N, C-alpha and C. Protein backbone atom coordinates (compact mmCIF):
# COMPACT_ATOMS: atom_id res chain seq x y z
N MET A 1 0.80 -1.12 0.04
CA MET A 1 0.14 -0.15 -0.10
C MET A 1 0.73 1.13 -0.09
N LEU A 2 0.57 2.05 -0.93
CA LEU A 2 1.53 3.64 -1.00
C LEU A 2 0.69 4.36 0.06
N VAL A 3 1.58 5.33 0.61
CA VAL A 3 1.05 6.18 1.76
C VAL A 3 1.84 7.43 1.28
N ILE A 4 0.90 8.63 0.83
CA ILE A 4 1.81 9.73 0.81
C ILE A 4 1.84 10.48 1.81
N ARG A 5 3.16 11.06 2.43
CA ARG A 5 3.26 11.46 3.77
C ARG A 5 3.45 12.99 3.41
N ARG A 6 4.40 13.26 2.26
CA ARG A 6 4.55 14.70 1.98
C ARG A 6 4.55 14.86 0.59
N ILE A 7 4.36 16.49 0.13
CA ILE A 7 4.42 16.77 -0.96
C ILE A 7 5.32 17.97 -1.16
N HIS A 8 6.16 17.99 -2.24
CA HIS A 8 6.85 19.16 -2.32
C HIS A 8 6.70 19.76 -3.80
N VAL A 9 6.21 21.14 -3.80
CA VAL A 9 5.78 21.67 -4.88
C VAL A 9 6.73 22.55 -5.49
N ARG A 10 7.19 22.67 -6.85
CA ARG A 10 8.12 23.68 -7.01
C ARG A 10 7.80 24.52 -8.12
N MET A 11 7.54 25.64 -8.05
CA MET A 11 6.85 26.64 -8.92
C MET A 11 8.15 27.61 -9.84
N SER A 12 7.93 27.28 -10.98
CA SER A 12 9.15 28.17 -11.77
C SER A 12 8.17 29.38 -12.66
N LEU A 13 8.57 30.54 -12.18
CA LEU A 13 8.02 31.67 -12.97
C LEU A 13 8.97 32.45 -13.57
N ARG A 14 8.84 32.75 -14.72
CA ARG A 14 9.62 33.89 -15.50
C ARG A 14 8.78 35.05 -15.87
N ALA A 15 9.34 36.31 -15.34
CA ALA A 15 8.57 37.49 -15.34
C ALA A 15 9.73 38.61 -15.28
N PRO A 16 9.36 39.71 -15.40
CA PRO A 16 10.20 40.84 -15.37
C PRO A 16 10.58 40.95 -14.09
N ALA A 17 11.67 41.55 -13.77
CA ALA A 17 12.51 41.48 -12.46
C ALA A 17 11.56 42.27 -11.28
N GLU A 18 11.05 43.47 -11.83
CA GLU A 18 10.18 44.31 -10.96
C GLU A 18 8.80 43.66 -10.34
N HIS A 19 8.63 42.30 -10.68
CA HIS A 19 7.40 41.66 -10.24
C HIS A 19 8.04 40.63 -9.35
N GLN A 20 9.11 40.35 -8.96
CA GLN A 20 9.67 39.73 -8.04
C GLN A 20 8.86 39.51 -6.55
N VAL A 21 8.79 40.91 -6.01
CA VAL A 21 8.43 40.95 -4.87
C VAL A 21 7.05 40.73 -4.60
N THR A 22 6.13 40.98 -5.51
CA THR A 22 4.81 40.77 -5.70
C THR A 22 4.74 39.22 -5.95
N ALA A 23 5.48 38.54 -6.88
CA ALA A 23 5.24 37.05 -6.94
C ALA A 23 6.00 36.33 -5.25
N GLU A 24 6.35 36.77 -4.65
CA GLU A 24 7.08 36.07 -3.62
C GLU A 24 5.92 36.30 -2.51
N ARG A 25 5.04 37.57 -2.57
CA ARG A 25 3.92 37.86 -1.47
C ARG A 25 2.84 36.72 -1.76
N VAL A 26 2.78 36.76 -3.22
CA VAL A 26 1.38 35.84 -3.49
C VAL A 26 1.76 34.49 -3.35
N HIS A 27 2.99 33.98 -3.43
CA HIS A 27 3.38 32.59 -3.23
C HIS A 27 3.42 32.32 -1.75
N GLY A 28 3.66 33.42 -0.89
CA GLY A 28 3.16 33.14 0.49
C GLY A 28 2.06 33.16 1.35
N MET A 29 0.99 33.69 0.43
CA MET A 29 -0.56 33.53 0.85
C MET A 29 -1.13 32.62 0.04
N PHE A 30 -0.76 31.91 -1.19
CA PHE A 30 -1.80 31.38 -1.95
C PHE A 30 -2.08 30.08 -1.33
N ALA A 31 -1.71 29.29 -0.27
CA ALA A 31 -1.95 28.07 0.24
C ALA A 31 -3.27 27.94 0.82
N LYS A 32 -3.30 29.33 1.41
CA LYS A 32 -4.75 29.55 2.27
C LYS A 32 -6.07 29.49 1.47
N PHE A 33 -5.63 29.81 0.21
CA PHE A 33 -6.75 29.97 -0.89
C PHE A 33 -6.94 28.70 -1.77
N CYS A 34 -5.94 27.79 -1.81
CA CYS A 34 -6.00 26.68 -2.46
C CYS A 34 -6.64 25.66 -1.99
N PRO A 35 -7.99 25.03 -2.79
CA PRO A 35 -8.73 23.86 -2.28
C PRO A 35 -8.15 22.64 -2.24
N VAL A 36 -7.03 22.64 -2.92
CA VAL A 36 -6.42 21.15 -3.12
C VAL A 36 -5.30 21.23 -1.75
N TYR A 37 -4.53 22.19 -1.53
CA TYR A 37 -3.82 22.34 -0.38
C TYR A 37 -4.83 22.40 1.06
N ARG A 38 -5.67 22.87 1.02
CA ARG A 38 -6.95 22.95 2.29
C ARG A 38 -7.44 21.58 2.38
N SER A 39 -7.62 20.80 1.32
CA SER A 39 -8.09 19.63 1.74
C SER A 39 -7.02 18.45 2.26
N LEU A 40 -6.00 18.71 1.63
CA LEU A 40 -4.71 17.47 1.84
C LEU A 40 -3.96 17.91 3.14
N HIS A 41 -3.61 19.04 3.34
CA HIS A 41 -3.02 19.69 4.49
C HIS A 41 -3.07 18.98 5.76
N PRO A 42 -4.29 18.79 6.21
CA PRO A 42 -3.97 18.04 7.61
C PRO A 42 -3.69 16.62 7.68
N ALA A 43 -3.58 16.19 6.26
CA ALA A 43 -3.12 14.57 6.38
C ALA A 43 -1.42 14.60 5.78
N VAL A 44 -1.29 15.48 5.05
CA VAL A 44 -0.09 15.35 4.15
C VAL A 44 0.75 16.56 4.35
N ALA A 45 1.98 16.20 4.59
CA ALA A 45 2.86 17.53 4.78
C ALA A 45 3.00 18.13 3.42
N ILE A 46 2.76 19.43 3.08
CA ILE A 46 3.06 20.00 2.01
C ILE A 46 3.84 21.56 1.84
N THR A 47 4.93 21.36 1.27
CA THR A 47 5.68 22.38 1.12
C THR A 47 5.94 23.04 -0.34
N THR A 48 6.12 24.40 -0.44
CA THR A 48 6.12 25.15 -1.70
C THR A 48 7.59 25.61 -1.71
N GLU A 49 7.96 25.76 -3.32
CA GLU A 49 9.11 26.57 -3.21
C GLU A 49 9.00 27.39 -4.64
N LEU A 50 9.34 28.63 -4.72
CA LEU A 50 9.13 29.55 -5.67
C LEU A 50 10.64 29.94 -6.36
N VAL A 51 10.78 29.38 -7.49
CA VAL A 51 11.90 29.79 -8.25
C VAL A 51 11.65 30.93 -9.41
N PHE A 52 11.93 32.02 -9.15
CA PHE A 52 11.81 33.09 -10.07
C PHE A 52 13.08 33.49 -10.83
N ARG A 53 12.46 33.38 -12.20
CA ARG A 53 13.61 33.75 -13.16
C ARG A 53 13.53 35.11 -13.83
N PRO A 54 13.97 35.94 -13.67
CA PRO A 54 13.72 37.54 -14.43
C PRO A 54 13.90 37.30 -15.95
N SER A 55 12.81 37.93 -16.75
CA SER A 55 12.91 37.65 -18.25
C SER A 55 13.54 38.96 -18.56
């Protein structure tokens, strides 16, 4: 039987450098509005990472 205990999500964003602060702020708050995260979080440890690539 397979049991998922943790999930790591790596998000890659390519955008102009002036949007990096906004992207990091949104990344910090998106989980509380994401229905998938909210459903799984009590049972599964979920971490996220934002990789910002200036265009």
